N, C-alpha and C. Protein backbone atom coordinates (compact mmCIF):
# COMPACT_ATOMS: atom_id res chain seq x y z
N MET A 1 81.98 113.72 115.14
CA MET A 1 81.97 112.40 114.58
C MET A 1 80.64 111.75 114.96
N PRO A 2 79.95 111.18 113.97
CA PRO A 2 78.67 110.52 114.26
C PRO A 2 78.85 109.35 115.24
N THR A 3 77.89 109.17 116.11
CA THR A 3 77.96 108.13 117.14
C THR A 3 78.16 106.76 116.52
N ARG A 4 77.51 106.48 115.42
CA ARG A 4 77.63 105.17 114.77
C ARG A 4 79.08 104.91 114.34
N GLU A 5 79.73 105.92 113.75
CA GLU A 5 81.11 105.75 113.33
C GLU A 5 82.04 105.61 114.53
N LEU A 6 81.77 106.33 115.59
CA LEU A 6 82.57 106.24 116.81
C LEU A 6 82.47 104.84 117.41
N LEU A 7 81.26 104.30 117.48
CA LEU A 7 81.08 102.96 118.02
C LEU A 7 81.76 101.90 117.14
N ALA A 8 81.68 102.07 115.83
CA ALA A 8 82.35 101.13 114.92
C ALA A 8 83.86 101.18 115.12
N MET A 9 84.41 102.38 115.29
CA MET A 9 85.84 102.53 115.52
C MET A 9 86.25 101.86 116.83
N LEU A 10 85.47 102.07 117.89
CA LEU A 10 85.78 101.45 119.17
C LEU A 10 85.72 99.93 119.10
N TRP A 11 84.72 99.40 118.39
CA TRP A 11 84.59 97.95 118.22
C TRP A 11 85.80 97.39 117.47
N ARG A 12 86.19 98.03 116.38
CA ARG A 12 87.34 97.56 115.61
C ARG A 12 88.64 97.69 116.41
N LEU A 13 88.74 98.74 117.21
CA LEU A 13 89.91 98.91 118.07
C LEU A 13 90.00 97.76 119.07
N ALA A 14 88.89 97.41 119.68
CA ALA A 14 88.87 96.29 120.63
C ALA A 14 89.24 94.99 119.92
N LEU A 15 88.68 94.76 118.75
CA LEU A 15 89.00 93.54 118.00
C LEU A 15 90.46 93.47 117.60
N SER A 16 91.07 94.63 117.37
CA SER A 16 92.47 94.64 116.94
C SER A 16 93.41 94.16 118.04
N GLN A 17 92.93 94.11 119.27
CA GLN A 17 93.76 93.67 120.38
C GLN A 17 93.64 92.18 120.66
N THR A 18 92.80 91.49 119.91
CA THR A 18 92.60 90.06 120.13
C THR A 18 93.69 89.24 119.43
N PRO A 19 93.96 88.04 119.95
CA PRO A 19 94.94 87.18 119.28
C PRO A 19 94.46 86.82 117.86
N TYR A 20 95.39 86.64 116.99
CA TYR A 20 95.13 86.23 115.60
C TYR A 20 94.38 87.29 114.79
N HIS A 21 94.43 88.54 115.22
CA HIS A 21 93.80 89.63 114.46
C HIS A 21 94.53 89.79 113.13
N ASP A 22 93.79 89.87 112.04
CA ASP A 22 94.37 90.05 110.70
C ASP A 22 93.92 91.40 110.16
N PRO A 23 94.80 92.41 110.14
CA PRO A 23 94.39 93.74 109.69
C PRO A 23 94.01 93.80 108.21
N ALA A 24 94.37 92.79 107.43
CA ALA A 24 94.02 92.79 106.01
C ALA A 24 92.51 92.73 105.82
N ASP A 25 91.78 92.27 106.82
CA ASP A 25 90.32 92.16 106.72
C ASP A 25 89.60 93.45 107.07
N GLN A 26 90.31 94.46 107.53
CA GLN A 26 89.68 95.70 107.99
C GLN A 26 89.51 96.69 106.84
N PRO A 27 88.39 97.40 106.81
CA PRO A 27 88.18 98.40 105.76
C PRO A 27 89.09 99.61 105.97
N LEU A 28 89.56 100.19 104.89
CA LEU A 28 90.39 101.39 104.96
C LEU A 28 89.51 102.63 104.79
N PRO A 29 89.89 103.73 105.42
CA PRO A 29 89.12 104.97 105.21
C PRO A 29 89.25 105.44 103.76
N ALA A 30 88.30 106.24 103.32
CA ALA A 30 88.26 106.69 101.93
C ALA A 30 89.53 107.46 101.53
N TRP A 31 90.14 108.20 102.48
CA TRP A 31 91.32 109.02 102.16
C TRP A 31 92.61 108.20 102.09
N ALA A 32 92.60 106.96 102.54
CA ALA A 32 93.83 106.17 102.62
C ALA A 32 94.48 105.96 101.25
N ASP A 33 93.68 105.71 100.23
CA ASP A 33 94.23 105.49 98.89
C ASP A 33 94.91 106.75 98.37
N THR A 34 94.28 107.90 98.59
CA THR A 34 94.87 109.18 98.18
C THR A 34 96.19 109.42 98.89
N TRP A 35 96.22 109.16 100.20
CA TRP A 35 97.42 109.37 101.00
C TRP A 35 98.55 108.45 100.53
N MET A 36 98.23 107.17 100.32
CA MET A 36 99.26 106.21 99.90
C MET A 36 99.82 106.56 98.52
N ARG A 37 98.97 106.97 97.59
CA ARG A 37 99.45 107.37 96.26
C ARG A 37 100.39 108.55 96.35
N ALA A 38 100.02 109.55 97.15
CA ALA A 38 100.87 110.74 97.32
C ALA A 38 102.20 110.34 97.95
N TYR A 39 102.18 109.49 98.95
CA TYR A 39 103.40 109.04 99.62
C TYR A 39 104.32 108.31 98.65
N GLU A 40 103.74 107.41 97.84
CA GLU A 40 104.53 106.66 96.86
C GLU A 40 105.11 107.57 95.78
N ASN A 41 104.45 108.70 95.50
CA ASN A 41 104.94 109.64 94.49
C ASN A 41 105.95 110.63 95.06
N GLY A 42 106.29 110.48 96.34
CA GLY A 42 107.33 111.31 96.93
C GLY A 42 106.87 112.66 97.45
N VAL A 43 105.55 112.83 97.65
CA VAL A 43 105.03 114.09 98.17
C VAL A 43 105.51 114.25 99.62
N ASP A 44 105.85 115.48 100.00
CA ASP A 44 106.25 115.77 101.38
C ASP A 44 105.01 115.62 102.26
N MET A 45 104.94 114.54 103.02
CA MET A 45 103.74 114.24 103.79
C MET A 45 103.57 115.14 105.01
N ARG A 46 104.59 115.93 105.34
CA ARG A 46 104.45 116.89 106.44
C ARG A 46 103.46 117.98 106.09
N THR A 47 103.20 118.21 104.80
CA THR A 47 102.28 119.26 104.37
C THR A 47 100.98 118.68 103.83
N PHE A 48 100.77 117.41 103.98
CA PHE A 48 99.55 116.76 103.46
C PHE A 48 98.41 116.97 104.45
N VAL A 49 97.45 117.83 104.07
CA VAL A 49 96.35 118.19 104.96
C VAL A 49 95.04 118.04 104.21
N ALA A 50 94.04 117.46 104.85
CA ALA A 50 92.68 117.35 104.32
C ALA A 50 92.65 116.67 102.95
N GLY A 51 93.48 115.68 102.76
CA GLY A 51 93.42 114.90 101.54
C GLY A 51 94.21 115.46 100.38
N GLN A 52 94.77 116.66 100.52
CA GLN A 52 95.53 117.27 99.44
C GLN A 52 96.83 117.86 99.99
N PRO A 53 97.96 117.59 99.33
CA PRO A 53 99.19 118.22 99.78
C PRO A 53 99.17 119.71 99.47
N GLU A 54 99.81 120.50 100.35
CA GLU A 54 99.93 121.92 100.06
C GLU A 54 100.88 122.14 98.91
N ARG A 55 100.63 123.14 98.12
CA ARG A 55 101.47 123.42 96.95
C ARG A 55 102.44 124.53 97.27
């Protein structure tokens, strides 16, 4: 993991512990939309690996 991304993650993690934290303001990872769509379509998430469910 690149150092810049690691530092950003640590900063956001620390901010998430503060009072009045609103998670709606946080950016989602690129794979989150794919994961949520698959989950809503009833895909077995136990086999969901690397952005694609196993067939």
